[in-house]
């Protein structure tokens, strides 16, 4: 199994994630589902999609 450093070269995963979060426009619904069950993720999407997820 490859380690993160073997997969991503000299870039630590935390740096890649921080760059992604800071450089990507906040368009649509953004969720951090790291600690959520699939059921909780679906519930959050359904609860927030028409307000927080609205584009335009």
Foldseek 3Di string as FASTA:
>chain_A
DDDQCVVPPPDHPVNVVVCCVVVDDQAADDDDCVPPDPVVVVVVCVVPRVPRGDGD
